[in-house]
Amino acid sequence: MGDLDATVETGEHVVDLLGGVSSARGGSALAELRAALVKHRSAPVVSGFLDDTA
Protein backbone atom coordinates (compact mmCIF):
# COMPACT_ATOMS: atom_id res chain seq x y z
CA MET A 1 0.00 0.00 0.00
CA GLY A 2 1.73 3.06 -1.21
CA ASP A 3 -0.60 5.91 -0.31
CA LEU A 4 -2.16 5.25 3.09
CA ASP A 5 -4.21 8.45 3.06
CA ALA A 6 -5.85 7.51 -0.24
CA THR A 7 -6.40 3.91 0.88
CA VAL A 8 -8.10 5.00 4.09
CA GLU A 9 -10.16 7.63 2.26
CA THR A 10 -11.39 4.97 -0.15
CA GLY A 11 -12.14 2.62 2.75
CA GLU A 12 -14.16 5.31 4.51
CA HIS A 13 -16.09 5.99 1.31
CA VAL A 14 -16.89 2.30 0.92
CA VAL A 15 -18.11 2.09 4.54
CA ASP A 16 -20.38 5.09 3.87
CA LEU A 17 -21.76 3.53 0.69
CA LEU A 18 -22.43 0.22 2.43
CA GLY A 19 -24.43 1.91 5.15
CA GLY A 20 -21.93 1.58 7.97
CA VAL A 21 -19.54 -0.94 9.38
CA SER A 22 -22.26 -3.40 10.37
CA SER A 23 -23.39 -3.98 6.80
CA ALA A 24 -23.11 -7.67 5.95
CA ARG A 25 -22.59 -6.97 2.24
CA GLY A 26 -19.17 -5.44 2.71
CA GLY A 27 -18.05 -7.27 5.82
CA SER A 28 -15.63 -9.51 3.99
CA ALA A 29 -14.05 -6.74 1.94
CA LEU A 30 -13.74 -4.52 5.00
CA ALA A 31 -12.12 -7.34 6.97
CA GLU A 32 -9.57 -7.83 4.18
CA LEU A 33 -8.78 -4.11 4.05
CA ARG A 34 -8.41 -3.93 7.82
CA ALA A 35 -6.08 -6.95 7.79
CA ALA A 36 -3.91 -5.33 5.12
CA LEU A 37 -3.75 -2.06 7.06
CA VAL A 38 -2.81 -3.56 10.45
CA LYS A 39 0.90 -3.47 9.67
CA HIS A 40 0.56 0.31 9.13
CA ARG A 41 -1.22 0.96 12.43
CA SER A 42 1.52 3.37 13.53
CA ALA A 43 0.27 5.87 10.94
CA PRO A 44 -2.38 8.08 12.61
CA VAL A 45 -4.74 7.93 9.62
CA VAL A 46 -4.64 4.12 9.65
CA SER A 47 -4.99 3.88 13.41
CA GLY A 48 -8.07 6.09 13.29
CA PHE A 49 -9.64 4.05 10.52
CA LEU A 50 -8.98 0.77 12.31
CA ASP A 51 -10.45 2.14 15.52
CA ASP A 52 -13.52 3.54 13.73
CA THR A 53 -14.21 0.28 11.89
CA ALA A 54 -13.54 -2.12 14.77
C-alpha atoms as a PDB file:
ATOM      1  CA  MET A   1       0.000   0.000   0.000  1.00  0.00           C
ATOM      2  CA  GLY A   2       1.729   3.063  -1.210  1.00  0.00           C
ATOM      3  CA  ASP A   3      -0.602   5.907  -0.306  1.00  0.00           C
ATOM      4  CA  LEU A   4      -2.156   5.246   3.091  1.00  0.00           C
ATOM      5  CA  ASP A   5      -4.210   8.450   3.064  1.00  0.00           C
ATOM      6  CA  ALA A   6      -5.854   7.506  -0.235  1.00  0.00           C
ATOM      7  CA  THR A   7      -6.395   3.913   0.878  1.00  0.00           C
ATOM      8  CA  VAL A   8      -8.101   5.002   4.094  1.00  0.00           C
ATOM      9  CA  GLU A   9     -10.157   7.632   2.261  1.00  0.00           C
ATOM     10  CA  THR A  10     -11.394   4.967  -0.152  1.00  0.00           C
ATOM     11  CA  GLY A  11     -12.142   2.618   2.753  1.00  0.00           C
ATOM     12  CA  GLU A  12     -14.159   5.310   4.514  1.00  0.00           C
ATOM     13  CA  HIS A  13     -16.090   5.995   1.308  1.00  0.00           C
ATOM     14  CA  VAL A  14     -16.894   2.296   0.925  1.00  0.00           C
ATOM     15  CA  VAL A  15     -18.106   2.091   4.536  1.00  0.00           C
ATOM     16  CA  ASP A  16     -20.381   5.094   3.873  1.00  0.00           C
ATOM     17  CA  LEU A  17     -21.762   3.525   0.687  1.00  0.00           C
ATOM     18  CA  LEU A  18     -22.427   0.223   2.430  1.00  0.00           C
ATOM     19  CA  GLY A  19     -24.433   1.905   5.145  1.00  0.00           C
ATOM     20  CA  GLY A  20     -21.935   1.577   7.969  1.00  0.00           C
ATOM     21  CA  VAL A  21     -19.542  -0.936   9.381  1.00  0.00           C
ATOM     22  CA  SER A  22     -22.262  -3.402  10.375  1.00  0.00           C
ATOM     23  CA  SER A  23     -23.392  -3.979   6.801  1.00  0.00           C
ATOM     24  CA  ALA A  24     -23.114  -7.668   5.954  1.00  0.00           C
ATOM     25  CA  ARG A  25     -22.591  -6.972   2.243  1.00  0.00           C
ATOM     26  CA  GLY A  26     -19.173  -5.437   2.709  1.00  0.00           C
ATOM     27  CA  GLY A  27     -18.049  -7.267   5.820  1.00  0.00           C
ATOM     28  CA  SER A  28     -15.632  -9.509   3.988  1.00  0.00           C
ATOM     29  CA  ALA A  29     -14.047  -6.740   1.935  1.00  0.00           C
ATOM     30  CA  LEU A  30     -13.736  -4.525   4.998  1.00  0.00           C
ATOM     31  CA  ALA A  31     -12.117  -7.342   6.968  1.00  0.00           C
ATOM     32  CA  GLU A  32      -9.570  -7.829   4.183  1.00  0.00           C
ATOM     33  CA  LEU A  33      -8.777  -4.109   4.053  1.00  0.00           C
ATOM     34  CA  ARG A  34      -8.408  -3.925   7.823  1.00  0.00           C
ATOM     35  CA  ALA A  35      -6.083  -6.953   7.786  1.00  0.00           C
ATOM     36  CA  ALA A  36      -3.908  -5.330   5.120  1.00  0.00           C
ATOM     37  CA  LEU A  37      -3.753  -2.061   7.063  1.00  0.00           C
ATOM     38  CA  VAL A  38      -2.812  -3.561  10.449  1.00  0.00           C
ATOM     39  CA  LYS A  39       0.903  -3.473   9.671  1.00  0.00           C
ATOM     40  CA  HIS A  40       0.565   0.307   9.134  1.00  0.00           C
ATOM     41  CA  ARG A  41      -1.223   0.958  12.433  1.00  0.00           C
ATOM     42  CA  SER A  42       1.523   3.370  13.535  1.00  0.00           C
ATOM     43  CA  ALA A  43       0.274   5.873  10.939  1.00  0.00           C
ATOM     44  CA  PRO A  44      -2.377   8.076  12.608  1.00  0.00           C
ATOM     45  CA  VAL A  45      -4.741   7.926   9.619  1.00  0.00           C
ATOM     46  CA  VAL A  46      -4.645   4.121   9.652  1.00  0.00           C
ATOM     47  CA  SER A  47      -4.990   3.879  13.413  1.00  0.00           C
ATOM     48  CA  GLY A  48      -8.071   6.086  13.293  1.00  0.00           C
ATOM     49  CA  PHE A  49      -9.644   4.045  10.522  1.00  0.00           C
ATOM     50  CA  LEU A  50      -8.975   0.766  12.307  1.00  0.00           C
ATOM     51  CA  ASP A  51     -10.453   2.141  15.525  1.00  0.00           C
ATOM     52  CA  ASP A  52     -13.519   3.536  13.729  1.00  0.00           C
ATOM     53  CA  THR A  53     -14.208   0.281  11.894  1.00  0.00           C
ATOM     54  CA  ALA A  54     -13.537  -2.117  14.772  1.00  0.00           C
END
